[in-house]
Amino acid sequence: MLQFKLMNNDDCQMVERLYLEAFPSDERLPYDYLIEKINQNKAEFLSLYDNNQWIGLAYTITYHQLTYLFYFAIDESQRGKGYGSQALALLKQKYHHTLMLSIEEVDEKYDNYSQRVKRREFYLKNGMKDMDFSFVEDGVRFEMLYSGQLLSKQDYDQLMFYFMGQKYLNFRVFEY
């Protein structure tokens, strides 16, 4: 049975390894910072399991009726088995209000254009919708997707300010 569990001590090495492998360095916050935010009850690091087999991770931030799926990855050895779609459905059930996520801008100018197209198609196929807004953080342009009630750019900013505090104002480049 597929389920998400809060990350525990047994999962830490697998979660950290996948986090470092799955996300480019310019799109990652320091791992210790993510753990610090969990300890402040501002986020959850979830491990995905199929029975006793570890499958992947999700890092979520919830503020009011909005959950931001900050990081989501399936272990490379488990990809192509339908786990991503099932996991996304579980997350939409768990966070039955608005679920939001960002993906790298999909544009032919990037070397990994086909990978970006596949990622976007995956989310759209699984019920996510385009928010028609993008932003730039640390020189990387992201597009926003959501399920549930459409929220505003300001809702996203409020969630991130809740998560990062004043640090968010220095981290964020406001280019919508």
C-alpha atoms as a PDB file:
ATOM      1  CA  MET A   1       0.000   0.000   0.000  1.00  0.00           C
ATOM      2  CA  LEU A   2       1.366   3.381  -1.038  1.00  0.00           C
ATOM      3  CA  GLN A   3       1.528   5.980   1.725  1.00  0.00           C
ATOM      4  CA  PHE A   4       3.373   9.050   2.920  1.00  0.00           C
ATOM      5  CA  LYS A   5       4.949   9.026   6.374  1.00  0.00           C
ATOM      6  CA  LEU A   6       6.786  11.766   8.181  1.00  0.00           C
ATOM      7  CA  MET A   7      10.499  11.335   7.578  1.00  0.00           C
ATOM      8  CA  ASN A   8      12.182   9.494  10.435  1.00  0.00           C
ATOM      9  CA  ASN A   9      15.791   8.781  11.399  1.00  0.00           C
ATOM     10  CA  ASP A  10      15.861   5.641   9.224  1.00  0.00           C
ATOM     11  CA  ASP A  11      14.906   7.700   6.151  1.00  0.00           C
ATOM     12  CA  CYS A  12      17.305  10.609   6.598  1.00  0.00           C
ATOM     13  CA  GLN A  13      20.170   9.295   4.482  1.00  0.00           C
ATOM     14  CA  MET A  14      17.902   8.228   1.596  1.00  0.00           C
ATOM     15  CA  VAL A  15      15.969  11.502   1.691  1.00  0.00           C
ATOM     16  CA  GLU A  16      19.104  13.651   1.756  1.00  0.00           C
ATOM     17  CA  ARG A  17      20.731  11.623  -1.051  1.00  0.00           C
ATOM     18  CA  LEU A  18      17.666  11.914  -3.309  1.00  0.00           C
ATOM     19  CA  TYR A  19      17.246  15.602  -2.482  1.00  0.00           C
ATOM     20  CA  LEU A  20      20.843  16.320  -3.505  1.00  0.00           C
ATOM     21  CA  GLU A  21      20.619  14.152  -6.650  1.00  0.00           C
ATOM     22  CA  ALA A  22      17.192  15.213  -7.911  1.00  0.00           C
ATOM     23  CA  PHE A  23      17.449  18.998  -7.655  1.00  0.00           C
ATOM     24  CA  PRO A  24      20.107  21.266  -9.193  1.00  0.00           C
ATOM     25  CA  SER A  25      22.200  23.145  -6.646  1.00  0.00           C
ATOM     26  CA  ASP A  26      20.797  26.522  -7.753  1.00  0.00           C
ATOM     27  CA  GLU A  27      17.266  25.257  -6.961  1.00  0.00           C
ATOM     28  CA  ARG A  28      18.020  23.791  -3.524  1.00  0.00           C
ATOM     29  CA  LEU A  29      17.925  25.372  -0.133  1.00  0.00           C
ATOM     30  CA  PRO A  30      20.561  24.007   2.261  1.00  0.00           C
ATOM     31  CA  TYR A  31      19.374  20.647   3.613  1.00  0.00           C
ATOM     32  CA  ASP A  32      20.066  21.731   7.209  1.00  0.00           C
ATOM     33  CA  TYR A  33      17.843  24.766   6.668  1.00  0.00           C
ATOM     34  CA  LEU A  34      14.969  22.508   5.536  1.00  0.00           C
ATOM     35  CA  ILE A  35      15.415  20.397   8.678  1.00  0.00           C
ATOM     36  CA  GLU A  36      15.473  23.550  10.817  1.00  0.00           C
ATOM     37  CA  LYS A  37      12.103  24.592   9.343  1.00  0.00           C
ATOM     38  CA  ILE A  38      10.670  21.153  10.134  1.00  0.00           C
ATOM     39  CA  ASN A  39      11.828  21.566  13.736  1.00  0.00           C
ATOM     40  CA  GLN A  40      10.017  24.932  13.788  1.00  0.00           C
ATOM     41  CA  ASN A  41       6.832  23.168  12.564  1.00  0.00           C
ATOM     42  CA  LYS A  42       6.817  25.248   9.379  1.00  0.00           C
ATOM     43  CA  ALA A  43       7.196  22.333   6.969  1.00  0.00           C
ATOM     44  CA  GLU A  44       7.014  18.571   6.600  1.00  0.00           C
ATOM     45  CA  PHE A  45       9.499  16.203   5.004  1.00  0.00           C
ATOM     46  CA  LEU A  46       7.511  13.169   3.912  1.00  0.00           C
ATOM     47  CA  SER A  47       8.820   9.782   2.830  1.00  0.00           C
ATOM     48  CA  LEU A  48       6.829   7.812   0.296  1.00  0.00           C
ATOM     49  CA  TYR A  49       6.572   4.080   0.928  1.00  0.00           C
ATOM     50  CA  ASP A  50       5.076   1.170  -0.955  1.00  0.00           C
ATOM     51  CA  ASN A  51       4.601  -1.214   1.966  1.00  0.00           C
ATOM     52  CA  ASN A  52       8.142  -1.294   3.424  1.00  0.00           C
ATOM     53  CA  GLN A  53       9.930  -0.104   0.253  1.00  0.00           C
ATOM     54  CA  TRP A  54      11.103   3.527   0.345  1.00  0.00           C
ATOM     55  CA  ILE A  55      10.079   5.232  -2.913  1.00  0.00           C
ATOM     56  CA  GLY A  56      10.617   8.979  -2.684  1.00  0.00           C
ATOM     57  CA  LEU A  57      10.130  12.273  -0.901  1.00  0.00           C
ATOM     58  CA  ALA A  58       7.921  15.322  -0.661  1.00  0.00           C
ATOM     59  CA  TYR A  59       8.687  18.540   1.194  1.00  0.00           C
ATOM     60  CA  THR A  60       5.628  20.647   1.916  1.00  0.00           C
ATOM     61  CA  ILE A  61       4.871  24.002   3.491  1.00  0.00           C
ATOM     62  CA  THR A  62       1.309  24.730   4.625  1.00  0.00           C
ATOM     63  CA  TYR A  63       0.013  28.185   5.458  1.00  0.00           C
ATOM     64  CA  HIS A  64      -3.710  28.712   5.953  1.00  0.00           C
ATOM     65  CA  GLN A  65      -5.510  26.916   3.088  1.00  0.00           C
ATOM     66  CA  LEU A  66      -2.448  26.649   0.840  1.00  0.00           C
ATOM     67  CA  THR A  67       0.147  23.897   0.674  1.00  0.00           C
ATOM     68  CA  TYR A  68       3.245  24.422  -1.427  1.00  0.00           C
ATOM     69  CA  LEU A  69       4.882  21.258  -2.706  1.00  0.00           C
ATOM     70  CA  PHE A  70       8.393  22.650  -2.511  1.00  0.00           C
ATOM     71  CA  TYR A  71      10.263  19.446  -3.410  1.00  0.00           C
ATOM     72  CA  PHE A  72       8.895  16.206  -4.843  1.00  0.00           C
ATOM     73  CA  ALA A  73      10.997  13.342  -6.203  1.00  0.00           C
ATOM     74  CA  ILE A  74      10.798   9.621  -6.818  1.00  0.00           C
ATOM     75  CA  ASP A  75      13.976   7.575  -6.345  1.00  0.00           C
ATOM     76  CA  GLU A  76      15.583   6.870  -9.713  1.00  0.00           C
ATOM     77  CA  SER A  77      15.279   3.082  -9.212  1.00  0.00           C
ATOM     78  CA  GLN A  78      11.496   3.470  -8.746  1.00  0.00           C
ATOM     79  CA  ARG A  79      10.679   5.820 -11.625  1.00  0.00           C
ATOM     80  CA  GLY A  80       8.437   4.729 -14.473  1.00  0.00           C
ATOM     81  CA  LYS A  81       6.237   2.563 -12.246  1.00  0.00           C
ATOM     82  CA  GLY A  82       3.384   5.025 -11.761  1.00  0.00           C
ATOM     83  CA  TYR A  83       4.482   6.085  -8.294  1.00  0.00           C
ATOM     84  CA  GLY A  84       4.646   9.770  -9.191  1.00  0.00           C
ATOM     85  CA  SER A  85       0.992   9.932 -10.254  1.00  0.00           C
ATOM     86  CA  GLN A  86      -0.149   7.898  -7.260  1.00  0.00           C
ATOM     87  CA  ALA A  87       1.908  10.016  -4.870  1.00  0.00           C
ATOM     88  CA  LEU A  88       0.539  13.252  -6.305  1.00  0.00           C
ATOM     89  CA  ALA A  89      -3.011  11.907  -5.856  1.00  0.00           C
ATOM     90  CA  LEU A  90      -2.192  11.086  -2.217  1.00  0.00           C
ATOM     91  CA  LEU A  91      -0.842  14.590  -1.657  1.00  0.00           C
ATOM     92  CA  LYS A  92      -3.989  16.122  -3.147  1.00  0.00           C
ATOM     93  CA  GLN A  93      -6.050  14.012  -0.723  1.00  0.00           C
ATOM     94  CA  LYS A  94      -3.851  14.883   2.268  1.00  0.00           C
ATOM     95  CA  TYR A  95      -3.899  18.598   1.446  1.00  0.00           C
ATOM     96  CA  HIS A  96      -7.483  18.783   0.231  1.00  0.00           C
ATOM     97  CA  HIS A  97      -7.338  22.576   0.031  1.00  0.00           C
ATOM     98  CA  THR A  98      -5.120  24.278  -2.569  1.00  0.00           C
ATOM     99  CA  LEU A  99      -1.895  22.516  -3.553  1.00  0.00           C
ATOM    100  CA  MET A 100       0.651  24.601  -5.447  1.00  0.00           C
ATOM    101  CA  LEU A 101       4.038  23.798  -6.962  1.00  0.00           C
ATOM    102  CA  SER A 102       6.597  25.341  -9.261  1.00  0.00           C
ATOM    103  CA  ILE A 103       8.458  23.864 -12.207  1.00  0.00           C
ATOM    104  CA  GLU A 104      11.347  25.190 -14.252  1.00  0.00           C
ATOM    105  CA  GLU A 105      10.220  27.416 -17.116  1.00  0.00           C
ATOM    106  CA  VAL A 106       9.360  25.401 -20.220  1.00  0.00           C
ATOM    107  CA  ASP A 107      11.070  27.068 -23.151  1.00  0.00           C
ATOM    108  CA  GLU A 108      12.998  25.721 -26.155  1.00  0.00           C
ATOM    109  CA  LYS A 109      16.036  27.829 -25.226  1.00  0.00           C
ATOM    110  CA  TYR A 110      17.012  25.344 -22.489  1.00  0.00           C
ATOM    111  CA  ASP A 111      19.197  22.282 -23.111  1.00  0.00           C
ATOM    112  CA  ASN A 112      16.820  20.079 -21.114  1.00  0.00           C
ATOM    113  CA  TYR A 113      13.707  21.371 -22.900  1.00  0.00           C
ATOM    114  CA  SER A 114      12.257  17.890 -23.528  1.00  0.00           C
ATOM    115  CA  GLN A 115      12.672  16.998 -19.830  1.00  0.00           C
ATOM    116  CA  ARG A 116      10.881  20.210 -18.846  1.00  0.00           C
ATOM    117  CA  VAL A 117       8.042  19.458 -21.273  1.00  0.00           C
ATOM    118  CA  LYS A 118       7.658  15.938 -19.842  1.00  0.00           C
ATOM    119  CA  ARG A 119       7.604  17.271 -16.280  1.00  0.00           C
ATOM    120  CA  ARG A 120       4.940  19.862 -17.141  1.00  0.00           C
ATOM    121  CA  GLU A 121       2.854  17.266 -19.016  1.00  0.00           C
ATOM    122  CA  PHE A 122       3.078  14.918 -16.015  1.00  0.00           C
ATOM    123  CA  TYR A 123       1.609  17.512 -13.685  1.00  0.00           C
ATOM    124  CA  LEU A 124      -1.097  18.617 -16.129  1.00  0.00           C
ATOM    125  CA  LYS A 125      -2.062  14.979 -16.779  1.00  0.00           C
ATOM    126  CA  ASN A 126      -2.415  14.563 -13.015  1.00  0.00           C
ATOM    127  CA  GLY A 127      -4.894  17.404 -12.609  1.00  0.00           C
ATOM    128  CA  MET A 128      -2.655  20.358 -11.913  1.00  0.00           C
ATOM    129  CA  LYS A 129      -3.528  23.606 -13.687  1.00  0.00           C
ATOM    130  CA  ASP A 130      -1.450  26.483 -14.956  1.00  0.00           C
ATOM    131  CA  MET A 131      -1.552  29.589 -12.742  1.00  0.00           C
ATOM    132  CA  ASP A 132      -0.404  31.830 -15.605  1.00  0.00           C
ATOM    133  CA  PHE A 133       2.305  33.366 -13.479  1.00  0.00           C
ATOM    134  CA  SER A 134       6.001  32.794 -13.161  1.00  0.00           C
ATOM    135  CA  PHE A 135       8.780  34.182 -10.995  1.00  0.00           C
ATOM    136  CA  VAL A 136      12.553  34.253 -10.873  1.00  0.00           C
ATOM    137  CA  GLU A 137      14.522  33.044  -7.876  1.00  0.00           C
ATOM    138  CA  ASP A 138      18.290  32.988  -7.912  1.00  0.00           C
ATOM    139  CA  GLY A 139      18.339  33.479 -11.688  1.00  0.00           C
ATOM    140  CA  VAL A 140      15.995  30.544 -12.411  1.00  0.00           C
ATOM    141  CA  ARG A 141      12.524  31.220 -13.857  1.00  0.00           C
ATOM    142  CA  PHE A 142       9.718  29.025 -12.508  1.00  0.00           C
ATOM    143  CA  GLU A 143       6.137  28.493 -13.653  1.00  0.00           C
ATOM    144  CA  MET A 144       3.412  27.881 -11.071  1.00  0.00           C
ATOM    145  CA  LEU A 145       0.848  25.062 -11.152  1.00  0.00           C
ATOM    146  CA  TYR A 146      -1.992  24.358  -8.729  1.00  0.00           C
ATOM    147  CA  SER A 147      -4.966  22.179  -7.866  1.00  0.00           C
ATOM    148  CA  GLY A 148      -7.937  23.341  -5.832  1.00  0.00           C
ATOM    149  CA  GLN A 149      -8.882  26.981  -5.537  1.00  0.00           C
ATOM    150  CA  LEU A 150      -6.851  29.421  -7.612  1.00  0.00           C
ATOM    151  CA  LEU A 151      -4.910  31.740  -5.351  1.00  0.00           C
ATOM    152  CA  SER A 152      -2.920  34.861  -6.083  1.00  0.00           C
ATOM    153  CA  LYS A 153       0.770  35.656  -6.340  1.00  0.00           C
ATOM    154  CA  GLN A 154       0.388  37.409  -3.002  1.00  0.00           C
ATOM    155  CA  ASP A 155      -0.830  34.161  -1.387  1.00  0.00           C
ATOM    156  CA  TYR A 156       2.389  32.495  -2.539  1.00  0.00           C
ATOM    157  CA  ASP A 157       4.458  35.400  -1.207  1.00  0.00           C
ATOM    158  CA  GLN A 158       2.679  35.226   2.161  1.00  0.00           C
ATOM    159  CA  LEU A 159       3.350  31.488   2.396  1.00  0.00           C
ATOM    160  CA  MET A 160       7.039  31.935   1.604  1.00  0.00           C
ATOM    161  CA  PHE A 161       7.367  34.858   4.030  1.00  0.00           C
ATOM    162  CA  TYR A 162       5.774  32.626   6.714  1.00  0.00           C
ATOM    163  CA  PHE A 163       8.356  29.940   5.873  1.00  0.00           C
ATOM    164  CA  MET A 164      11.484  32.085   5.526  1.00  0.00           C
ATOM    165  CA  GLY A 165      10.684  35.327   7.343  1.00  0.00           C
ATOM    166  CA  GLN A 166      12.788  38.388   6.473  1.00  0.00           C
ATOM    167  CA  LYS A 167      15.249  36.120   4.678  1.00  0.00           C
ATOM    168  CA  TYR A 168      12.617  35.653   1.962  1.00  0.00           C
ATOM    169  CA  LEU A 169      12.763  39.337   1.047  1.00  0.00           C
ATOM    170  CA  ASN A 170      16.495  38.973   0.280  1.00  0.00           C
ATOM    171  CA  PHE A 171      16.096  35.587  -1.421  1.00  0.00           C
ATOM    172  CA  ARG A 172      13.230  36.516  -3.699  1.00  0.00           C
ATOM    173  CA  VAL A 173      13.588  38.380  -6.959  1.00  0.00           C
ATOM    174  CA  PHE A 174      10.142  39.767  -7.749  1.00  0.00           C
ATOM    175  CA  GLU A 175       9.803  39.302 -11.495  1.00  0.00           C
ATOM    176  CA  TYR A 176       6.304  38.113 -12.287  1.00  0.00           C
END
